[in-house]
Amino acid sequence: MGEWKALYDAAIEFRNLAPWQWMYDDALFAIEDPDTGQIGYCSVMGALGEFHGLAVFPGEAGWRSLHRLMQDNEPSSAAEEERVYGQFALIASFESSRDVTEQDRAVMKQLGLRFRGEIAWPVFRSHRPGYLPWYLTRDEAKLLTVALSQATVVASRIRQQSDLLEPPQPNQILTRRRVKDGTSFEWIDVWTETPQYTLSASEIPPIRVDEVILKRIRRQETRRGEWEVDIFYAPFAVEEGERPMFPRMLMCVDHASGIVLQVHAAAHETYAQESVDKLLETMLAGGCPATFLFQRPEVGTLLRPIAEGLGIELRQEDWLPALEEAREALEQGLGGKG
């Protein structure tokens, strides 16, 4: 239980400092994992009084997740979905007793810990895109312990030096690094380069477009109408392995009529190929559109090989009205079954 005691001790010290009283969530800094060298990007939460804690976004994938969250200023279903389903982070939050699970309480009991009041109970969760927030692994607990300890140090210094996080050069971030000093270790400040955010090809699984099916679709005489296409997290979880998962769901709707042409749920590892195959199947059975309408860049990336192969126009839109209506109906239907 040594790792968990260190984690709770670090969390209690951070909570008692209450750095959200003088830090906003866009005051970012980083820690370097002493074991792996991976950078974790840190954000103190709670300045708005709604949710108190520390979020650590590990590595380049974490930075992309943090970047998307901070860029989503305008309300939209895609932005809200990213906040709910798409985070890649380790989060220590401080909750009331009603938000603590039996598994959390069992660990606290073993450590002899008791808490009372609002914003008092430390809760630790691992957030991964498309999965329910889950309990930490041992390695995740060690990383979050380091982050909480160093966040306490950084926040205490910011209280005295408000410009501590201002970088000497653009695209740099204050990073805490552990170094050896003789026979002991100490933590020092270094400025590291932040990853440059782009839609990474590695975020989109590789796909293959069946040329035989493309040839059969090309024989169709007309290209008619506009299809709205989106891929989003399904509004239900599937028990698959230890950690429940939200499948990825393809939806294709006729723009003019609002008729749903295709709905298909798939696992994270296979959703891209299955989505392409289902769209080709839909066109083979019911005709080919003149235009694909999409909202998310990653959906456009998946549609591009089909569009280029069949001479279909690709057009990005700010809103997909027919698809949004169909999606709302789907979610209400699923809710009604519950």
C-alpha atoms as a PDB file:
ATOM      1  CA  MET A   1       0.000   0.000   0.000  1.00  0.00           C
ATOM      2  CA  GLY A   2       3.039   2.259  -0.032  1.00  0.00           C
ATOM      3  CA  GLU A   3       2.225   3.856  -3.403  1.00  0.00           C
ATOM      4  CA  TRP A   4      -1.335   4.623  -2.325  1.00  0.00           C
ATOM      5  CA  LYS A   5      -0.267   6.181   0.986  1.00  0.00           C
ATOM      6  CA  ALA A   6       2.156   8.453  -0.881  1.00  0.00           C
ATOM      7  CA  LEU A   7      -0.633   9.396  -3.326  1.00  0.00           C
ATOM      8  CA  TYR A   8      -3.121  10.296  -0.589  1.00  0.00           C
ATOM      9  CA  ASP A   9      -0.466  12.213   1.370  1.00  0.00           C
ATOM     10  CA  ALA A  10       0.388  14.271  -1.730  1.00  0.00           C
ATOM     11  CA  ALA A  11      -3.285  14.875  -2.481  1.00  0.00           C
ATOM     12  CA  ILE A  12      -4.053  16.047   1.063  1.00  0.00           C
ATOM     13  CA  GLU A  13      -1.125  18.480   1.008  1.00  0.00           C
ATOM     14  CA  PHE A  14      -2.287  19.842  -2.368  1.00  0.00           C
ATOM     15  CA  ARG A  15      -5.893  20.140  -1.163  1.00  0.00           C
ATOM     16  CA  ASN A  16      -4.862  21.963   2.008  1.00  0.00           C
ATOM     17  CA  LEU A  17      -2.912  24.478  -0.066  1.00  0.00           C
ATOM     18  CA  ALA A  18      -6.047  25.101  -2.238  1.00  0.00           C
ATOM     19  CA  PRO A  19      -4.106  26.630  -5.163  1.00  0.00           C
ATOM     20  CA  TRP A  20      -7.314  27.160  -7.149  1.00  0.00           C
ATOM     21  CA  GLN A  21      -7.772  30.264  -5.012  1.00  0.00           C
ATOM     22  CA  TRP A  22      -5.052  32.025  -7.051  1.00  0.00           C
ATOM     23  CA  MET A  23      -4.506  29.832 -10.147  1.00  0.00           C
ATOM     24  CA  TYR A  24      -6.724  29.362 -13.195  1.00  0.00           C
ATOM     25  CA  ASP A  25      -6.888  26.178 -15.239  1.00  0.00           C
ATOM     26  CA  ASP A  26      -5.014  27.782 -18.158  1.00  0.00           C
ATOM     27  CA  ALA A  27      -1.919  28.368 -15.968  1.00  0.00           C
ATOM     28  CA  LEU A  28      -0.134  25.303 -17.300  1.00  0.00           C
ATOM     29  CA  PHE A  29       3.095  23.698 -16.149  1.00  0.00           C
ATOM     30  CA  ALA A  30       4.626  20.256 -16.563  1.00  0.00           C
ATOM     31  CA  ILE A  31       6.407  17.491 -14.694  1.00  0.00           C
ATOM     32  CA  GLU A  32       8.850  14.934 -16.068  1.00  0.00           C
ATOM     33  CA  ASP A  33       8.222  11.364 -14.931  1.00  0.00           C
ATOM     34  CA  PRO A  34      11.455  10.313 -13.150  1.00  0.00           C
ATOM     35  CA  ASP A  35      10.962   6.691 -14.236  1.00  0.00           C
ATOM     36  CA  THR A  36      10.117   7.124 -17.931  1.00  0.00           C
ATOM     37  CA  GLY A  37      11.054  10.682 -18.872  1.00  0.00           C
ATOM     38  CA  GLN A  38       7.523  11.276 -20.173  1.00  0.00           C
ATOM     39  CA  ILE A  39       6.179  14.791 -19.740  1.00  0.00           C
ATOM     40  CA  GLY A  40       2.862  15.288 -17.945  1.00  0.00           C
ATOM     41  CA  TYR A  41       1.083  18.597 -18.582  1.00  0.00           C
ATOM     42  CA  CYS A  42      -0.677  19.903 -15.474  1.00  0.00           C
ATOM     43  CA  SER A  43      -3.723  22.093 -14.907  1.00  0.00           C
ATOM     44  CA  VAL A  44      -5.086  23.198 -11.522  1.00  0.00           C
ATOM     45  CA  MET A  45      -8.888  23.115 -11.521  1.00  0.00           C
ATOM     46  CA  GLY A  46     -11.305  24.915  -9.248  1.00  0.00           C
ATOM     47  CA  ALA A  47     -11.035  28.674  -9.822  1.00  0.00           C
ATOM     48  CA  LEU A  48     -14.678  28.745 -10.959  1.00  0.00           C
ATOM     49  CA  GLY A  49     -15.751  26.920  -7.812  1.00  0.00           C
ATOM     50  CA  GLU A  50     -17.334  23.941  -9.566  1.00  0.00           C
ATOM     51  CA  PHE A  51     -14.699  21.187  -9.646  1.00  0.00           C
ATOM     52  CA  HIS A  52     -11.512  21.185  -7.549  1.00  0.00           C
ATOM     53  CA  GLY A  53      -8.424  19.165  -8.312  1.00  0.00           C
ATOM     54  CA  LEU A  54      -5.420  18.580 -10.538  1.00  0.00           C
ATOM     55  CA  ALA A  55      -5.429  17.140 -14.050  1.00  0.00           C
ATOM     56  CA  VAL A  56      -2.291  15.632 -15.578  1.00  0.00           C
ATOM     57  CA  PHE A  57      -2.252  15.029 -19.347  1.00  0.00           C
ATOM     58  CA  PRO A  58       0.540  12.530 -20.151  1.00  0.00           C
ATOM     59  CA  GLY A  59       2.731  12.825 -23.241  1.00  0.00           C
ATOM     60  CA  GLU A  60       1.851  14.111 -26.697  1.00  0.00           C
ATOM     61  CA  ALA A  61      -1.540  12.368 -26.622  1.00  0.00           C
ATOM     62  CA  GLY A  62      -2.301  14.152 -23.362  1.00  0.00           C
ATOM     63  CA  TRP A  63      -1.198  17.496 -24.811  1.00  0.00           C
ATOM     64  CA  ARG A  64      -3.541  17.021 -27.787  1.00  0.00           C
ATOM     65  CA  SER A  65      -6.392  16.234 -25.406  1.00  0.00           C
ATOM     66  CA  LEU A  66      -5.623  19.297 -23.280  1.00  0.00           C
ATOM     67  CA  HIS A  67      -5.289  21.484 -26.374  1.00  0.00           C
ATOM     68  CA  ARG A  68      -8.677  20.373 -27.701  1.00  0.00           C
ATOM     69  CA  LEU A  69     -10.337  21.029 -24.349  1.00  0.00           C
ATOM     70  CA  MET A  70      -8.899  24.528 -24.119  1.00  0.00           C
ATOM     71  CA  GLN A  71      -9.766  25.386 -27.739  1.00  0.00           C
ATOM     72  CA  ASP A  72     -13.411  24.310 -27.398  1.00  0.00           C
ATOM     73  CA  ASN A  73     -14.712  27.721 -26.334  1.00  0.00           C
ATOM     74  CA  GLU A  74     -17.916  27.631 -28.379  1.00  0.00           C
ATOM     75  CA  PRO A  75     -20.712  25.309 -27.246  1.00  0.00           C
ATOM     76  CA  SER A  76     -21.230  22.416 -29.643  1.00  0.00           C
ATOM     77  CA  SER A  77     -22.052  18.732 -29.434  1.00  0.00           C
ATOM     78  CA  ALA A  78     -18.524  17.868 -30.634  1.00  0.00           C
ATOM     79  CA  ALA A  79     -16.942  20.056 -27.917  1.00  0.00           C
ATOM     80  CA  GLU A  80     -19.180  18.616 -25.221  1.00  0.00           C
ATOM     81  CA  GLU A  81     -18.447  15.075 -26.410  1.00  0.00           C
ATOM     82  CA  GLU A  82     -14.718  15.776 -26.170  1.00  0.00           C
ATOM     83  CA  ARG A  83     -15.127  16.926 -22.583  1.00  0.00           C
ATOM     84  CA  VAL A  84     -17.224  13.902 -21.612  1.00  0.00           C
ATOM     85  CA  TYR A  85     -15.641  11.059 -23.590  1.00  0.00           C
ATOM     86  CA  GLY A  86     -12.372  12.255 -25.103  1.00  0.00           C
ATOM     87  CA  GLN A  87     -10.062  13.207 -22.242  1.00  0.00           C
ATOM     88  CA  PHE A  88      -6.653  11.562 -21.916  1.00  0.00           C
ATOM     89  CA  ALA A  89      -5.677  12.442 -18.372  1.00  0.00           C
ATOM     90  CA  LEU A  90      -5.109  11.410 -14.777  1.00  0.00           C
ATOM     91  CA  ILE A  91      -7.283  13.442 -12.429  1.00  0.00           C
ATOM     92  CA  ALA A  92      -7.159  13.944  -8.678  1.00  0.00           C
ATOM     93  CA  SER A  93     -10.357  15.635  -7.525  1.00  0.00           C
ATOM     94  CA  PHE A  94     -11.797  16.537  -4.147  1.00  0.00           C
ATOM     95  CA  GLU A  95     -15.380  15.453  -3.672  1.00  0.00           C
ATOM     96  CA  SER A  96     -18.133  14.957  -1.132  1.00  0.00           C
ATOM     97  CA  SER A  97     -18.725  11.543   0.428  1.00  0.00           C
ATOM     98  CA  ARG A  98     -21.526  10.704  -2.029  1.00  0.00           C
ATOM     99  CA  ASP A  99     -19.010  10.692  -4.910  1.00  0.00           C
ATOM    100  CA  VAL A 100     -16.730   8.108  -3.259  1.00  0.00           C
ATOM    101  CA  THR A 101     -17.148   4.472  -4.299  1.00  0.00           C
ATOM    102  CA  GLU A 102     -16.853   1.389  -2.130  1.00  0.00           C
ATOM    103  CA  GLN A 103     -13.524   0.597  -3.791  1.00  0.00           C
ATOM    104  CA  ASP A 104     -12.227   4.062  -2.867  1.00  0.00           C
ATOM    105  CA  ARG A 105     -13.446   3.641   0.706  1.00  0.00           C
ATOM    106  CA  ALA A 106     -11.737   0.266   1.020  1.00  0.00           C
ATOM    107  CA  VAL A 107      -8.349   1.806   0.189  1.00  0.00           C
ATOM    108  CA  MET A 108      -8.952   4.705   2.592  1.00  0.00           C
ATOM    109  CA  LYS A 109      -9.919   2.268   5.348  1.00  0.00           C
ATOM    110  CA  GLN A 110      -6.738   0.243   4.839  1.00  0.00           C
ATOM    111  CA  LEU A 111      -4.710   3.445   5.134  1.00  0.00           C
ATOM    112  CA  GLY A 112      -6.629   4.603   8.200  1.00  0.00           C
ATOM    113  CA  LEU A 113      -7.884   7.748   6.468  1.00  0.00           C
ATOM    114  CA  ARG A 114     -11.114   9.588   7.248  1.00  0.00           C
ATOM    115  CA  PHE A 115     -12.513  12.727   5.662  1.00  0.00           C
ATOM    116  CA  ARG A 116     -15.465  14.967   6.396  1.00  0.00           C
ATOM    117  CA  GLY A 117     -17.191  17.732   4.462  1.00  0.00           C
ATOM    118  CA  GLU A 118     -17.412  19.027   0.907  1.00  0.00           C
ATOM    119  CA  ILE A 119     -14.280  19.173  -1.301  1.00  0.00           C
ATOM    120  CA  ALA A 120     -12.583  16.895   1.237  1.00  0.00           C
ATOM    121  CA  TRP A 121     -12.483  13.363  -0.149  1.00  0.00           C
ATOM    122  CA  PRO A 122      -9.620  12.661  -2.613  1.00  0.00           C
ATOM    123  CA  VAL A 123     -10.790  10.706  -5.667  1.00  0.00           C
ATOM    124  CA  PHE A 124      -8.349   9.512  -8.331  1.00  0.00           C
ATOM    125  CA  ARG A 125      -9.380   8.479 -11.831  1.00  0.00           C
ATOM    126  CA  SER A 126      -7.755   7.551 -15.106  1.00  0.00           C
ATOM    127  CA  HIS A 127      -9.487   9.079 -18.147  1.00  0.00           C
ATOM    128  CA  ARG A 128      -8.950   7.491 -21.565  1.00  0.00           C
ATOM    129  CA  PRO A 129     -10.830   8.433 -24.751  1.00  0.00           C
ATOM    130  CA  GLY A 130     -13.919   6.304 -25.140  1.00  0.00           C
ATOM    131  CA  TYR A 131     -13.726   4.596 -21.748  1.00  0.00           C
ATOM    132  CA  LEU A 132     -15.428   5.153 -18.433  1.00  0.00           C
ATOM    133  CA  PRO A 133     -13.202   6.962 -15.934  1.00  0.00           C
ATOM    134  CA  TRP A 134     -11.485   4.183 -14.028  1.00  0.00           C
ATOM    135  CA  TYR A 135      -9.303   3.390 -11.054  1.00  0.00           C
ATOM    136  CA  LEU A 136      -5.576   4.020 -11.353  1.00  0.00           C
ATOM    137  CA  THR A 137      -2.948   1.435 -12.130  1.00  0.00           C
ATOM    138  CA  ARG A 138       0.137   1.425  -9.916  1.00  0.00           C
ATOM    139  CA  ASP A 139       2.197   3.282 -12.539  1.00  0.00           C
ATOM    140  CA  GLU A 140      -0.546   5.886 -12.939  1.00  0.00           C
ATOM    141  CA  ALA A 141      -0.686   6.330  -9.166  1.00  0.00           C
ATOM    142  CA  LYS A 142       3.069   6.959  -9.056  1.00  0.00           C
ATOM    143  CA  LEU A 143       2.858   9.567 -11.823  1.00  0.00           C
ATOM    144  CA  LEU A 144      -0.068  11.359 -10.200  1.00  0.00           C
ATOM    145  CA  THR A 145       1.785  11.374  -6.863  1.00  0.00           C
ATOM    146  CA  VAL A 146       4.739  13.126  -8.474  1.00  0.00           C
ATOM    147  CA  ALA A 147       2.421  15.600 -10.194  1.00  0.00           C
ATOM    148  CA  LEU A 148       0.540  16.474  -6.994  1.00  0.00           C
ATOM    149  CA  SER A 149       3.767  16.946  -5.039  1.00  0.00           C
ATOM    150  CA  GLN A 150       5.340  19.174  -7.664  1.00  0.00           C
ATOM    151  CA  ALA A 151       2.076  21.044  -8.258  1.00  0.00           C
ATOM    152  CA  THR A 152       2.119  21.983  -4.568  1.00  0.00           C
ATOM    153  CA  VAL A 153       5.662  23.328  -4.974  1.00  0.00           C
ATOM    154  CA  VAL A 154       4.877  25.255  -8.169  1.00  0.00           C
ATOM    155  CA  ALA A 155       1.618  26.692  -6.844  1.00  0.00           C
ATOM    156  CA  SER A 156       3.295  27.878  -3.634  1.00  0.00           C
ATOM    157  CA  ARG A 157       5.930  29.697  -5.668  1.00  0.00           C
ATOM    158  CA  ILE A 158       3.344  31.258  -8.001  1.00  0.00           C
ATOM    159  CA  ARG A 159       1.646  32.745  -4.961  1.00  0.00           C
ATOM    160  CA  GLN A 160       4.845  34.760  -4.384  1.00  0.00           C
ATOM    161  CA  GLN A 161       5.943  35.123  -8.019  1.00  0.00           C
ATOM    162  CA  SER A 162       2.961  35.601 -10.326  1.00  0.00           C
ATOM    163  CA  ASP A 163       5.037  35.547 -13.544  1.00  0.00           C
ATOM    164  CA  LEU A 164       6.724  32.203 -12.755  1.00  0.00           C
ATOM    165  CA  LEU A 165       5.052  30.408 -15.686  1.00  0.00           C
ATOM    166  CA  GLU A 166       5.799  33.065 -18.322  1.00  0.00           C
ATOM    167  CA  PRO A 167       8.116  31.324 -20.838  1.00  0.00           C
ATOM    168  CA  PRO A 168      11.365  32.871 -22.096  1.00  0.00           C
ATOM    169  CA  GLN A 169      10.473  31.708 -25.623  1.00  0.00           C
ATOM    170  CA  PRO A 170       7.154  30.906 -27.362  1.00  0.00           C
ATOM    171  CA  ASN A 171       5.910  27.310 -27.169  1.00  0.00           C
ATOM    172  CA  GLN A 172       7.837  26.566 -23.979  1.00  0.00           C
ATOM    173  CA  ILE A 173       6.471  25.371 -20.657  1.00  0.00           C
ATOM    174  CA  LEU A 174       7.948  25.311 -17.157  1.00  0.00           C
ATOM    175  CA  THR A 175       8.809  21.685 -16.397  1.00  0.00           C
ATOM    176  CA  ARG A 176       9.877  20.167 -13.112  1.00  0.00           C
ATOM    177  CA  ARG A 177      12.669  17.595 -13.536  1.00  0.00           C
ATOM    178  CA  ARG A 178      14.337  15.374 -10.969  1.00  0.00           C
ATOM    179  CA  VAL A 179      18.143  15.282 -11.153  1.00  0.00           C
ATOM    180  CA  LYS A 180      20.821  13.599  -9.100  1.00  0.00           C
ATOM    181  CA  ASP A 181      22.859  15.816  -6.821  1.00  0.00           C
ATOM    182  CA  GLY A 182      25.683  13.737  -5.401  1.00  0.00           C
ATOM    183  CA  THR A 183      24.062  10.987  -3.393  1.00  0.00           C
ATOM    184  CA  SER A 184      20.587  12.538  -3.346  1.00  0.00           C
ATOM    185  CA  PHE A 185      18.000  13.862  -5.783  1.00  0.00           C
ATOM    186  CA  GLU A 186      16.564  17.324  -6.237  1.00  0.00           C
ATOM    187  CA  TRP A 187      13.893  18.894  -8.427  1.00  0.00           C
ATOM    188  CA  ILE A 188      14.821  21.731 -10.763  1.00  0.00           C
ATOM    189  CA  ASP A 189      13.061  23.995 -13.268  1.00  0.00           C
ATOM    190  CA  VAL A 190      13.681  23.534 -16.983  1.00  0.00           C
ATOM    191  CA  TRP A 191      11.858  24.985 -19.998  1.00  0.00           C
ATOM    192  CA  THR A 192      10.746  22.324 -22.475  1.00  0.00           C
ATOM    193  CA  GLU A 193       9.160  22.674 -25.904  1.00  0.00           C
ATOM    194  CA  THR A 194       5.438  21.959 -26.078  1.00  0.00           C
ATOM    195  CA  PRO A 195       4.304  19.569 -28.831  1.00  0.00           C
ATOM    196  CA  GLN A 196       2.905  21.255 -31.922  1.00  0.00           C
ATOM    197  CA  TYR A 197      -0.766  20.396 -32.156  1.00  0.00           C
ATOM    198  CA  THR A 198      -2.005  18.932 -35.421  1.00  0.00           C
ATOM    199  CA  LEU A 199      -4.541  16.239 -36.241  1.00  0.00           C
ATOM    200  CA  SER A 200      -2.168  13.299 -36.022  1.00  0.00           C
ATOM    201  CA  ALA A 201      -2.486  10.544 -38.595  1.00  0.00           C
ATOM    202  CA  SER A 202      -1.830   8.109 -35.764  1.00  0.00           C
ATOM    203  CA  GLU A 203      -5.142   9.206 -34.190  1.00  0.00           C
ATOM    204  CA  ILE A 204      -6.993   7.708 -37.173  1.00  0.00           C
ATOM    205  CA  PRO A 205      -6.640   3.947 -37.632  1.00  0.00           C
ATOM    206  CA  PRO A 206      -5.493   2.808 -41.107  1.00  0.00           C
ATOM    207  CA  ILE A 207      -8.245   1.881 -43.553  1.00  0.00           C
ATOM    208  CA  ARG A 208      -8.545  -0.025 -46.819  1.00  0.00           C
ATOM    209  CA  VAL A 209     -11.131   0.810 -49.487  1.00  0.00           C
ATOM    210  CA  ASP A 210     -12.360  -2.226 -51.430  1.00  0.00           C
ATOM    211  CA  GLU A 211     -11.652  -1.458 -55.114  1.00  0.00           C
ATOM    212  CA  VAL A 212     -14.039  -4.157 -56.325  1.00  0.00           C
ATOM    213  CA  ILE A 213     -16.952  -2.514 -54.499  1.00  0.00           C
ATOM    214  CA  LEU A 214     -15.838   0.928 -55.752  1.00  0.00           C
ATOM    215  CA  LYS A 215     -16.021  -0.318 -59.342  1.00  0.00           C
ATOM    216  CA  ARG A 216     -19.535  -1.662 -58.770  1.00  0.00           C
ATOM    217  CA  ILE A 217     -20.679   1.653 -57.286  1.00  0.00           C
ATOM    218  CA  ARG A 218     -19.125   3.611 -60.192  1.00  0.00           C
ATOM    219  CA  ARG A 219     -21.470   1.804 -62.582  1.00  0.00           C
ATOM    220  CA  GLN A 220     -24.421   3.558 -60.966  1.00  0.00           C
ATOM    221  CA  GLU A 221     -25.603   6.227 -63.338  1.00  0.00           C
ATOM    222  CA  THR A 222     -26.303   9.168 -61.032  1.00  0.00           C
ATOM    223  CA  ARG A 223     -24.844  10.995 -58.080  1.00  0.00           C
ATOM    224  CA  ARG A 224     -27.700  12.591 -56.229  1.00  0.00           C
ATOM    225  CA  GLY A 225     -28.263  14.438 -52.960  1.00  0.00           C
ATOM    226  CA  GLU A 226     -26.176  15.195 -49.906  1.00  0.00           C
ATOM    227  CA  TRP A 227     -25.382  12.819 -47.056  1.00  0.00           C
ATOM    228  CA  GLU A 228     -24.494  14.022 -43.586  1.00  0.00           C
ATOM    229  CA  VAL A 229     -21.897  11.747 -41.967  1.00  0.00           C
ATOM    230  CA  ASP A 230     -20.500  11.702 -38.458  1.00  0.00           C
ATOM    231  CA  ILE A 231     -18.673   9.322 -36.130  1.00  0.00           C
ATOM    232  CA  PHE A 232     -19.176   9.866 -32.411  1.00  0.00           C
ATOM    233  CA  TYR A 233     -19.055   8.035 -29.107  1.00  0.00           C
ATOM    234  CA  ALA A 234     -22.153   5.920 -28.531  1.00  0.00           C
ATOM    235  CA  PRO A 235     -24.379   7.077 -25.633  1.00  0.00           C
ATOM    236  CA  PHE A 236     -24.050   3.689 -23.922  1.00  0.00           C
ATOM    237  CA  ALA A 237     -21.195   1.688 -22.432  1.00  0.00           C
ATOM    238  CA  VAL A 238     -20.248  -1.875 -23.278  1.00  0.00           C
ATOM    239  CA  GLU A 239     -18.709  -4.238 -20.734  1.00  0.00           C
ATOM    240  CA  GLU A 240     -15.591  -5.390 -22.540  1.00  0.00           C
ATOM    241  CA  GLY A 241     -12.727  -6.432 -20.311  1.00  0.00           C
ATOM    242  CA  GLU A 242     -12.185  -4.811 -16.923  1.00  0.00           C
ATOM    243  CA  ARG A 243     -12.923  -1.278 -18.100  1.00  0.00           C
ATOM    244  CA  PRO A 244     -16.317  -0.441 -19.696  1.00  0.00           C
ATOM    245  CA  MET A 245     -16.065   1.181 -23.139  1.00  0.00           C
ATOM    246  CA  PHE A 246     -18.166   3.606 -25.164  1.00  0.00           C
ATOM    247  CA  PRO A 247     -18.203   2.249 -28.757  1.00  0.00           C
ATOM    248  CA  ARG A 248     -17.671   4.535 -31.741  1.00  0.00           C
ATOM    249  CA  MET A 249     -20.842   5.020 -33.755  1.00  0.00           C
ATOM    250  CA  LEU A 250     -21.185   5.822 -37.459  1.00  0.00           C
ATOM    251  CA  MET A 251     -24.334   7.688 -38.514  1.00  0.00           C
ATOM    252  CA  CYS A 252     -25.267   8.660 -42.066  1.00  0.00           C
ATOM    253  CA  VAL A 253     -28.408  10.731 -42.751  1.00  0.00           C
ATOM    254  CA  ASP A 254     -29.914  12.117 -45.948  1.00  0.00           C
ATOM    255  CA  HIS A 255     -29.635  15.907 -45.693  1.00  0.00           C
ATOM    256  CA  ALA A 256     -32.905  16.715 -47.464  1.00  0.00           C
ATOM    257  CA  SER A 257     -35.270  14.084 -46.088  1.00  0.00           C
ATOM    258  CA  GLY A 258     -33.691  13.347 -42.681  1.00  0.00           C
ATOM    259  CA  ILE A 259     -33.910   9.623 -43.403  1.00  0.00           C
ATOM    260  CA  VAL A 260     -31.270   7.637 -41.492  1.00  0.00           C
ATOM    261  CA  LEU A 261     -29.316   5.640 -44.050  1.00  0.00           C
ATOM    262  CA  GLN A 262     -26.831   3.906 -41.765  1.00  0.00           C
ATOM    263  CA  VAL A 263     -26.115   3.479 -38.043  1.00  0.00           C
ATOM    264  CA  HIS A 264     -23.317   1.226 -36.884  1.00  0.00           C
ATOM    265  CA  ALA A 265     -21.443   0.816 -33.578  1.00  0.00           C
ATOM    266  CA  ALA A 266     -17.918  -0.601 -33.448  1.00  0.00           C
ATOM    267  CA  ALA A 267     -14.962  -1.042 -31.118  1.00  0.00           C
ATOM    268  CA  HIS A 268     -12.208   1.577 -31.025  1.00  0.00           C
ATOM    269  CA  GLU A 269      -9.726  -0.650 -32.777  1.00  0.00           C
ATOM    270  CA  THR A 270     -11.982  -1.412 -35.743  1.00  0.00           C
ATOM    271  CA  TYR A 271     -14.397   1.546 -36.066  1.00  0.00           C
ATOM    272  CA  ALA A 272     -12.564   3.246 -38.945  1.00  0.00           C
ATOM    273  CA  GLN A 273     -12.523   0.229 -41.265  1.00  0.00           C
ATOM    274  CA  GLU A 274     -16.041  -0.814 -40.300  1.00  0.00           C
ATOM    275  CA  SER A 275     -17.328   2.718 -40.966  1.00  0.00           C
ATOM    276  CA  VAL A 276     -15.807   2.745 -44.447  1.00  0.00           C
ATOM    277  CA  ASP A 277     -17.191  -0.706 -45.206  1.00  0.00           C
ATOM    278  CA  LYS A 278     -20.691   0.230 -44.000  1.00  0.00           C
ATOM    279  CA  LEU A 279     -20.759   3.412 -46.098  1.00  0.00           C
ATOM    280  CA  LEU A 280     -19.743   1.463 -49.203  1.00  0.00           C
ATOM    281  CA  GLU A 281     -22.416  -1.129 -48.400  1.00  0.00           C
ATOM    282  CA  THR A 282     -25.021   1.652 -48.093  1.00  0.00           C
ATOM    283  CA  MET A 283     -24.045   3.179 -51.452  1.00  0.00           C
ATOM    284  CA  LEU A 284     -24.012  -0.180 -53.170  1.00  0.00           C
ATOM    285  CA  ALA A 285     -27.555  -0.881 -51.994  1.00  0.00           C
ATOM    286  CA  GLY A 286     -29.168   2.536 -52.247  1.00  0.00           C
ATOM    287  CA  GLY A 287     -27.201   4.797 -54.579  1.00  0.00           C
ATOM    288  CA  CYS A 288     -24.367   7.267 -54.334  1.00  0.00           C
ATOM    289  CA  PRO A 289     -24.560  10.876 -53.073  1.00  0.00           C
ATOM    290  CA  ALA A 290     -23.163  13.869 -54.905  1.00  0.00           C
ATOM    291  CA  THR A 291     -21.784  15.310 -51.652  1.00  0.00           C
ATOM    292  CA  PHE A 292     -20.616  14.152 -48.238  1.00  0.00           C
ATOM    293  CA  LEU A 293     -21.227  16.732 -45.484  1.00  0.00           C
ATOM    294  CA  PHE A 294     -19.117  16.373 -42.334  1.00  0.00           C
ATOM    295  CA  GLN A 295     -18.220  18.430 -39.292  1.00  0.00           C
ATOM    296  CA  ARG A 296     -15.166  16.846 -37.652  1.00  0.00           C
ATOM    297  CA  PRO A 297     -11.814  16.901 -39.517  1.00  0.00           C
ATOM    298  CA  GLU A 298     -11.134  13.253 -38.660  1.00  0.00           C
ATOM    299  CA  VAL A 299     -14.395  12.211 -40.331  1.00  0.00           C
ATOM    300  CA  GLY A 300     -13.355  14.106 -43.446  1.00  0.00           C
ATOM    301  CA  THR A 301     -10.060  12.231 -43.402  1.00  0.00           C
ATOM    302  CA  LEU A 302     -11.905   8.896 -43.327  1.00  0.00           C
ATOM    303  CA  LEU A 303     -14.299   9.938 -46.095  1.00  0.00           C
ATOM    304  CA  ARG A 304     -11.614  11.279 -48.436  1.00  0.00           C
ATOM    305  CA  PRO A 305     -10.524   7.932 -50.023  1.00  0.00           C
ATOM    306  CA  ILE A 306     -14.156   7.089 -50.803  1.00  0.00           C
ATOM    307  CA  ALA A 307     -14.885  10.570 -52.143  1.00  0.00           C
ATOM    308  CA  GLU A 308     -11.801  10.588 -54.344  1.00  0.00           C
ATOM    309  CA  GLY A 309     -12.520   7.090 -55.623  1.00  0.00           C
ATOM    310  CA  LEU A 310     -16.108   7.919 -56.567  1.00  0.00           C
ATOM    311  CA  GLY A 311     -15.941  11.606 -57.493  1.00  0.00           C
ATOM    312  CA  ILE A 312     -18.024  12.713 -54.500  1.00  0.00           C
ATOM    313  CA  GLU A 313     -17.683  16.281 -53.234  1.00  0.00           C
ATOM    314  CA  LEU A 314     -16.487  16.662 -49.628  1.00  0.00           C
ATOM    315  CA  ARG A 315     -17.755  19.673 -47.696  1.00  0.00           C
ATOM    316  CA  GLN A 316     -17.101  20.564 -44.078  1.00  0.00           C
ATOM    317  CA  GLU A 317     -19.983  22.234 -42.239  1.00  0.00           C
ATOM    318  CA  ASP A 318     -20.347  23.899 -38.846  1.00  0.00           C
ATOM    319  CA  TRP A 319     -23.581  22.040 -38.204  1.00  0.00           C
ATOM    320  CA  LEU A 320     -25.287  18.893 -39.492  1.00  0.00           C
ATOM    321  CA  PRO A 321     -28.981  19.569 -38.762  1.00  0.00           C
ATOM    322  CA  ALA A 322     -30.532  16.339 -40.032  1.00  0.00           C
ATOM    323  CA  LEU A 323     -27.912  14.203 -38.311  1.00  0.00           C
ATOM    324  CA  GLU A 324     -28.241  16.102 -35.028  1.00  0.00           C
ATOM    325  CA  GLU A 325     -31.982  15.499 -35.053  1.00  0.00           C
ATOM    326  CA  ALA A 326     -31.500  11.800 -35.769  1.00  0.00           C
ATOM    327  CA  ARG A 327     -28.860  11.525 -33.068  1.00  0.00           C
ATOM    328  CA  GLU A 328     -31.122  13.176 -30.492  1.00  0.00           C
ATOM    329  CA  ALA A 329     -33.908  10.748 -31.401  1.00  0.00           C
ATOM    330  CA  LEU A 330     -31.508   7.825 -31.005  1.00  0.00           C
ATOM    331  CA  GLU A 331     -30.344   9.015 -27.579  1.00  0.00           C
ATOM    332  CA  GLN A 332     -33.911   9.641 -26.399  1.00  0.00           C
ATOM    333  CA  GLY A 333     -34.915   6.172 -27.556  1.00  0.00           C
ATOM    334  CA  LEU A 334     -32.041   4.569 -25.708  1.00  0.00           C
ATOM    335  CA  GLY A 335     -32.841   6.635 -22.628  1.00  0.00           C
ATOM    336  CA  GLY A 336     -36.428   5.532 -22.768  1.00  0.00           C
ATOM    337  CA  LYS A 337     -35.357   1.910 -22.693  1.00  0.00           C
ATOM    338  CA  GLY A 338     -33.404   2.549 -19.502  1.00  0.00           C
END
